[in-house]
C-alpha atoms as a PDB file:
ATOM      1  CA  MET A   1      -0.024   0.006   0.041  1.00  0.00           C
ATOM      2  CA  GLY A   2       1.427   3.317  -1.047  1.00  0.00           C
ATOM      3  CA  LEU A   3       1.117   6.729   0.724  1.00  0.00           C
ATOM      4  CA  GLY A   4      -1.764   7.729  -1.537  1.00  0.00           C
ATOM      5  CA  ASP A   5      -3.716   4.729  -0.523  1.00  0.00           C
ATOM      6  CA  LEU A   6      -3.077   5.391   3.026  1.00  0.00           C
ATOM      7  CA  LEU A   7      -4.214   8.935   2.867  1.00  0.00           C
ATOM      8  CA  VAL A   8      -7.418   8.000   0.884  1.00  0.00           C
ATOM      9  CA  ASN A   9      -8.216   5.220   3.278  1.00  0.00           C
ATOM     10  CA  ALA A  10      -7.803   7.445   6.322  1.00  0.00           C
ATOM     11  CA  ALA A  11     -10.329   9.968   4.895  1.00  0.00           C
ATOM     12  CA  ARG A  12     -12.704   7.211   4.122  1.00  0.00           C
ATOM     13  CA  ALA A  13     -12.406   5.741   7.552  1.00  0.00           C
ATOM     14  CA  MET A  14     -12.895   9.231   9.218  1.00  0.00           C
ATOM     15  CA  GLU A  15     -16.043   9.740   7.173  1.00  0.00           C
ATOM     16  CA  ALA A  16     -17.469   6.408   8.020  1.00  0.00           C
ATOM     17  CA  LEU A  17     -17.017   7.019  11.765  1.00  0.00           C
ATOM     18  CA  ASP A  18     -18.747  10.392  11.496  1.00  0.00           C
ATOM     19  CA  GLY A  19     -21.636   8.856   9.481  1.00  0.00           C
ATOM     20  CA  PHE A  20     -21.832  11.740   7.119  1.00  0.00           C
ATOM     21  CA  GLY A  21     -24.101  11.415   4.036  1.00  0.00           C
ATOM     22  CA  SER A  22     -23.249  12.436   0.521  1.00  0.00           C
ATOM     23  CA  VAL A  23     -24.715  15.865   0.091  1.00  0.00           C
ATOM     24  CA  GLY A  24     -23.456  19.293  -0.744  1.00  0.00           C
ATOM     25  CA  GLU A  25     -21.866  20.921  -3.913  1.00  0.00           C
ATOM     26  CA  PRO A  26     -20.458  18.918  -6.814  1.00  0.00           C
ATOM     27  CA  SER A  27     -16.886  18.041  -6.206  1.00  0.00           C
ATOM     28  CA  ALA A  28     -15.684  18.349  -9.735  1.00  0.00           C
ATOM     29  CA  ALA A  29     -14.665  21.981  -9.367  1.00  0.00           C
ATOM     30  CA  ARG A  30     -12.649  21.603  -6.095  1.00  0.00           C
ATOM     31  CA  GLU A  31      -8.974  20.499  -6.072  1.00  0.00           C
ATOM     32  CA  VAL A  32      -7.487  19.968  -2.637  1.00  0.00           C
ATOM     33  CA  GLU A  33      -3.886  20.657  -1.944  1.00  0.00           C
ATOM     34  CA  VAL A  34      -2.293  19.766   1.500  1.00  0.00           C
ATOM     35  CA  GLU A  35       1.287  20.085   2.680  1.00  0.00           C
ATOM     36  CA  GLY A  36       3.191  18.825   5.734  1.00  0.00           C
ATOM     37  CA  VAL A  37       6.695  18.753   7.055  1.00  0.00           C
ATOM     38  CA  ASP A  38       6.635  15.012   7.006  1.00  0.00           C
ATOM     39  CA  ARG A  39       4.326  12.070   6.444  1.00  0.00           C
ATOM     40  CA  GLU A  40       2.690  12.226   9.838  1.00  0.00           C
ATOM     41  CA  SER A  41       2.020  16.059   9.576  1.00  0.00           C
ATOM     42  CA  LEU A  42       0.696  15.437   5.996  1.00  0.00           C
ATOM     43  CA  LEU A  43      -1.841  12.868   7.230  1.00  0.00           C
ATOM     44  CA  VAL A  44      -3.107  15.205   9.971  1.00  0.00           C
ATOM     45  CA  ASN A  45      -3.319  18.103   7.633  1.00  0.00           C
ATOM     46  CA  TRP A  46      -5.173  15.976   5.062  1.00  0.00           C
ATOM     47  CA  LEU A  47      -7.718  14.829   7.520  1.00  0.00           C
ATOM     48  CA  ASN A  48      -8.216  18.379   8.973  1.00  0.00           C
ATOM     49  CA  GLU A  49      -8.927  19.524   5.309  1.00  0.00           C
ATOM     50  CA  ILE A  50     -11.345  16.699   4.727  1.00  0.00           C
ATOM     51  CA  LEU A  51     -13.164  17.574   8.004  1.00  0.00           C
ATOM     52  CA  PHE A  52     -13.151  21.367   7.010  1.00  0.00           C
ATOM     53  CA  LEU A  53     -14.669  20.479   3.609  1.00  0.00           C
ATOM     54  CA  GLU A  54     -17.443  18.328   5.212  1.00  0.00           C
ATOM     55  CA  GLN A  55     -18.258  20.905   7.970  1.00  0.00           C
ATOM     56  CA  THR A  56     -18.141  24.011   5.740  1.00  0.00           C
ATOM     57  CA  TYR A  57     -19.437  22.670   2.345  1.00  0.00           C
ATOM     58  CA  GLN A  58     -21.233  19.401   3.357  1.00  0.00           C
ATOM     59  CA  LEU A  59     -18.802  17.883   0.791  1.00  0.00           C
ATOM     60  CA  VAL A  60     -18.412  14.113   1.422  1.00  0.00           C
ATOM     61  CA  CYS A  61     -16.614  11.958  -1.050  1.00  0.00           C
ATOM     62  CA  GLU A  62     -15.921   8.274  -1.454  1.00  0.00           C
ATOM     63  CA  ARG A  63     -13.391   8.596  -4.226  1.00  0.00           C
ATOM     64  CA  PHE A  64     -10.219  10.618  -4.765  1.00  0.00           C
ATOM     65  CA  HIS A  65      -8.194  11.288  -7.899  1.00  0.00           C
ATOM     66  CA  ILE A  66      -4.616  11.889  -6.854  1.00  0.00           C
ATOM     67  CA  TYR A  67      -2.679  14.219  -8.887  1.00  0.00           C
ATOM     68  CA  GLU A  68       0.490  14.340  -6.863  1.00  0.00           C
ATOM     69  CA  VAL A  69       1.562  12.639  -3.543  1.00  0.00           C
ATOM     70  CA  ASN A  70       4.984  12.545  -1.775  1.00  0.00           C
ATOM     71  CA  ASP A  71       6.038  12.770   1.835  1.00  0.00           C
ATOM     72  CA  TYR A  72       5.318  16.375   1.975  1.00  0.00           C
ATOM     73  CA  ARG A  73       2.548  17.225  -0.385  1.00  0.00           C
ATOM     74  CA  LEU A  74      -0.774  15.951  -1.619  1.00  0.00           C
ATOM     75  CA  ARG A  75      -2.885  17.217  -4.503  1.00  0.00           C
ATOM     76  CA  VAL A  76      -6.131  15.491  -4.987  1.00  0.00           C
ATOM     77  CA  ARG A  77      -9.796  15.987  -6.450  1.00  0.00           C
ATOM     78  CA  PRO A  78     -12.364  14.484  -4.245  1.00  0.00           C
ATOM     79  CA  ARG A  79     -15.109  12.740  -6.100  1.00  0.00           C
ATOM     80  CA  ARG A  80     -18.496  11.562  -5.031  1.00  0.00           C
ATOM     81  CA  ARG A  81     -19.587   8.134  -6.074  1.00  0.00           C
END
């Protein structure tokens, strides 16, 4: 399992625990970019960003198209089903 898979699975697990439903704006127009000083901070910042999108825009996604991922940066486009 690569870093991208880990980040996506962590976001899915967080959404499953919170019991959010798929509502809100279409995700096609939103690209998310997250940075961290290492893998651990990247994971924390990613989950915080997903939580922010859920609480602010009611954007809940099950799939993610990853454009770039490394130990310090993630660029992704969340997608609903």
